[in-house]
Amino acid sequence: TPETSGLMTAERFALMPEGAVFVNTARGALVDEAALLAALQSGQLSAAGLDCFQVEPGGNPDFSRFDNIFMLPHIGSATRQTRDAMGFRALDNLDAFFAGNTPGDRL
């Protein structure tokens, strides 16, 4: 949302304990990636674990310069329960559409 876009700024990284590890499995838009890189370079953060990025697929090419950034291909939600719920939600949307109703997840 506009309220959370860029939520993790240089100022917020500075509030974290020195040497902290930052993990983002939520949304890439939450993180000011330039601020994250600066916090890693300065030692404010010792590492980062990222499951999502501002640009997907591929992520920020500057991340490849750091050996203390651990990146995953947006699989943080990959549990059986979550995948089942996603599938059933898609089926509910199809049922609504074919019944002449507006699907619950229509943009």
C-alpha atoms as a PDB file:
ATOM      1  CA  THR A   1       0.000   0.000   0.000  1.00  0.00           C
ATOM      2  CA  PRO A   2       1.168   3.595  -0.283  1.00  0.00           C
ATOM      3  CA  GLU A   3       1.482   3.674   3.514  1.00  0.00           C
ATOM      4  CA  THR A   4       3.978   0.793   3.586  1.00  0.00           C
ATOM      5  CA  SER A   5       5.890   1.401   0.364  1.00  0.00           C
ATOM      6  CA  GLY A   6       9.509   2.119   1.280  1.00  0.00           C
ATOM      7  CA  LEU A   7       8.768   1.489   4.971  1.00  0.00           C
ATOM      8  CA  MET A   8      12.304   0.253   5.643  1.00  0.00           C
ATOM      9  CA  THR A   9      14.383   3.385   5.093  1.00  0.00           C
ATOM     10  CA  ALA A  10      17.916   4.336   6.100  1.00  0.00           C
ATOM     11  CA  GLU A  11      16.465   5.877   9.274  1.00  0.00           C
ATOM     12  CA  ARG A  12      14.660   2.664  10.201  1.00  0.00           C
ATOM     13  CA  PHE A  13      17.695   0.488   9.475  1.00  0.00           C
ATOM     14  CA  ALA A  14      19.689   2.812  11.774  1.00  0.00           C
ATOM     15  CA  LEU A  15      17.227   2.025  14.592  1.00  0.00           C
ATOM     16  CA  MET A  16      18.082  -1.677  14.397  1.00  0.00           C
ATOM     17  CA  PRO A  17      20.884  -2.994  16.623  1.00  0.00           C
ATOM     18  CA  GLU A  18      24.259  -2.830  14.914  1.00  0.00           C
ATOM     19  CA  GLY A  19      25.002  -6.136  13.217  1.00  0.00           C
ATOM     20  CA  ALA A  20      21.330  -7.161  13.018  1.00  0.00           C
ATOM     21  CA  VAL A  21      20.060  -9.477  10.303  1.00  0.00           C
ATOM     22  CA  PHE A  22      17.198  -8.108   8.204  1.00  0.00           C
ATOM     23  CA  VAL A  23      14.708 -10.608   6.744  1.00  0.00           C
ATOM     24  CA  ASN A  24      11.929  -9.702   4.312  1.00  0.00           C
ATOM     25  CA  THR A  25       9.425 -12.368   3.287  1.00  0.00           C
ATOM     26  CA  ALA A  26       6.537  -9.921   2.891  1.00  0.00           C
ATOM     27  CA  ARG A  27       6.741  -7.557  -0.093  1.00  0.00           C
ATOM     28  CA  GLY A  28       9.669  -6.081  -1.988  1.00  0.00           C
ATOM     29  CA  ALA A  29       8.099  -2.628  -2.027  1.00  0.00           C
ATOM     30  CA  LEU A  30       8.530  -2.398   1.758  1.00  0.00           C
ATOM     31  CA  VAL A  31      12.277  -1.938   1.427  1.00  0.00           C
ATOM     32  CA  ASP A  32      14.293   1.009   0.176  1.00  0.00           C
ATOM     33  CA  GLU A  33      16.870  -1.221  -1.501  1.00  0.00           C
ATOM     34  CA  ALA A  34      19.522   1.510  -1.722  1.00  0.00           C
ATOM     35  CA  ALA A  35      19.180   2.029   2.039  1.00  0.00           C
ATOM     36  CA  LEU A  36      19.438  -1.720   2.622  1.00  0.00           C
ATOM     37  CA  LEU A  37      22.633  -1.914   0.560  1.00  0.00           C
ATOM     38  CA  ALA A  38      24.105   1.066   2.425  1.00  0.00           C
ATOM     39  CA  ALA A  39      23.255  -0.510   5.793  1.00  0.00           C
ATOM     40  CA  LEU A  40      24.978  -3.737   4.755  1.00  0.00           C
ATOM     41  CA  GLN A  41      28.015  -1.927   3.401  1.00  0.00           C
ATOM     42  CA  SER A  42      28.413   0.159   6.573  1.00  0.00           C
ATOM     43  CA  GLY A  43      28.068  -2.850   8.878  1.00  0.00           C
ATOM     44  CA  GLN A  44      24.848  -1.539  10.429  1.00  0.00           C
ATOM     45  CA  LEU A  45      23.369  -4.825   9.203  1.00  0.00           C
ATOM     46  CA  SER A  46      25.436  -8.004   9.147  1.00  0.00           C
ATOM     47  CA  ALA A  47      23.231  -9.812   6.634  1.00  0.00           C
ATOM     48  CA  ALA A  48      19.919  -9.802   4.830  1.00  0.00           C
ATOM     49  CA  GLY A  49      17.552 -12.596   3.866  1.00  0.00           C
ATOM     50  CA  LEU A  50      15.271 -11.629   1.006  1.00  0.00           C
ATOM     51  CA  ASP A  51      12.381 -13.608  -0.401  1.00  0.00           C
ATOM     52  CA  CYS A  52      10.920 -10.733  -2.419  1.00  0.00           C
ATOM     53  CA  PHE A  53      12.264  -7.761  -4.307  1.00  0.00           C
ATOM     54  CA  GLN A  54      11.156  -4.445  -5.762  1.00  0.00           C
ATOM     55  CA  VAL A  55      11.767  -5.868  -9.245  1.00  0.00           C
ATOM     56  CA  GLU A  56      10.706  -9.453  -9.858  1.00  0.00           C
ATOM     57  CA  PRO A  57      11.920 -11.648 -11.314  1.00  0.00           C
ATOM     58  CA  GLY A  58      15.608 -10.984 -11.023  1.00  0.00           C
ATOM     59  CA  GLY A  59      15.956  -8.594  -8.143  1.00  0.00           C
ATOM     60  CA  ASN A  60      18.423  -5.757  -7.851  1.00  0.00           C
ATOM     61  CA  PRO A  61      21.686  -6.604  -9.673  1.00  0.00           C
ATOM     62  CA  ASP A  62      23.631  -4.732  -6.967  1.00  0.00           C
ATOM     63  CA  PHE A  63      22.685  -7.498  -4.513  1.00  0.00           C
ATOM     64  CA  SER A  64      25.106  -9.866  -6.294  1.00  0.00           C
ATOM     65  CA  ARG A  65      28.081  -7.837  -4.981  1.00  0.00           C
ATOM     66  CA  PHE A  66      27.341  -8.932  -1.409  1.00  0.00           C
ATOM     67  CA  ASP A  67      28.072 -12.367   0.014  1.00  0.00           C
ATOM     68  CA  ASN A  68      25.903 -11.625   3.054  1.00  0.00           C
ATOM     69  CA  ILE A  69      22.608 -11.290   1.152  1.00  0.00           C
ATOM     70  CA  PHE A  70      20.703 -14.547   0.958  1.00  0.00           C
ATOM     71  CA  MET A  71      18.038 -14.559  -1.739  1.00  0.00           C
ATOM     72  CA  LEU A  72      15.171 -16.945  -2.381  1.00  0.00           C
ATOM     73  CA  PRO A  73      12.739 -16.953  -5.318  1.00  0.00           C
ATOM     74  CA  HIS A  74       9.687 -15.707  -3.366  1.00  0.00           C
ATOM     75  CA  ILE A  75       8.873 -19.017  -1.705  1.00  0.00           C
ATOM     76  CA  GLY A  76       8.222 -17.763   1.838  1.00  0.00           C
ATOM     77  CA  SER A  77       4.580 -18.735   1.593  1.00  0.00           C
ATOM     78  CA  ALA A  78       5.277 -22.176   0.167  1.00  0.00           C
ATOM     79  CA  THR A  79       3.564 -24.345   2.749  1.00  0.00           C
ATOM     80  CA  ARG A  80       1.035 -27.026   1.918  1.00  0.00           C
ATOM     81  CA  GLN A  81      -1.670 -25.146   3.821  1.00  0.00           C
ATOM     82  CA  THR A  82      -0.982 -21.870   2.001  1.00  0.00           C
ATOM     83  CA  ARG A  83      -0.853 -23.472  -1.433  1.00  0.00           C
ATOM     84  CA  ASP A  84      -4.090 -25.382  -0.737  1.00  0.00           C
ATOM     85  CA  ALA A  85      -5.772 -22.147   0.403  1.00  0.00           C
ATOM     86  CA  MET A  86      -4.550 -20.346  -2.737  1.00  0.00           C
ATOM     87  CA  GLY A  87      -5.935 -23.102  -4.959  1.00  0.00           C
ATOM     88  CA  PHE A  88      -9.317 -23.144  -3.228  1.00  0.00           C
ATOM     89  CA  ARG A  89      -9.475 -19.362  -3.413  1.00  0.00           C
ATOM     90  CA  ALA A  90      -8.901 -19.530  -7.171  1.00  0.00           C
ATOM     91  CA  LEU A  91     -11.689 -22.111  -7.460  1.00  0.00           C
ATOM     92  CA  ASP A  92     -14.009 -19.857  -5.418  1.00  0.00           C
ATOM     93  CA  ASN A  93     -13.257 -17.003  -7.823  1.00  0.00           C
ATOM     94  CA  LEU A  94     -14.039 -19.225 -10.816  1.00  0.00           C
ATOM     95  CA  ASP A  95     -17.283 -20.405  -9.214  1.00  0.00           C
ATOM     96  CA  ALA A  96     -18.323 -16.785  -8.624  1.00  0.00           C
ATOM     97  CA  PHE A  97     -17.455 -15.774 -12.189  1.00  0.00           C
ATOM     98  CA  PHE A  98     -19.384 -18.616 -13.813  1.00  0.00           C
ATOM     99  CA  ALA A  99     -22.350 -17.960 -11.515  1.00  0.00           C
ATOM    100  CA  GLY A 100     -22.481 -14.417 -12.889  1.00  0.00           C
ATOM    101  CA  ASN A 101     -21.055 -12.813  -9.754  1.00  0.00           C
ATOM    102  CA  THR A 102     -17.976 -10.678  -9.277  1.00  0.00           C
ATOM    103  CA  PRO A 103     -15.007 -12.796  -8.134  1.00  0.00           C
ATOM    104  CA  GLY A 104     -13.765 -11.845  -4.675  1.00  0.00           C
ATOM    105  CA  ASP A 105     -10.247 -11.149  -5.893  1.00  0.00           C
ATOM    106  CA  ARG A 106     -11.061  -9.063  -8.935  1.00  0.00           C
ATOM    107  CA  LEU A 107      -8.665  -6.126  -9.241  1.00  0.00           C
END
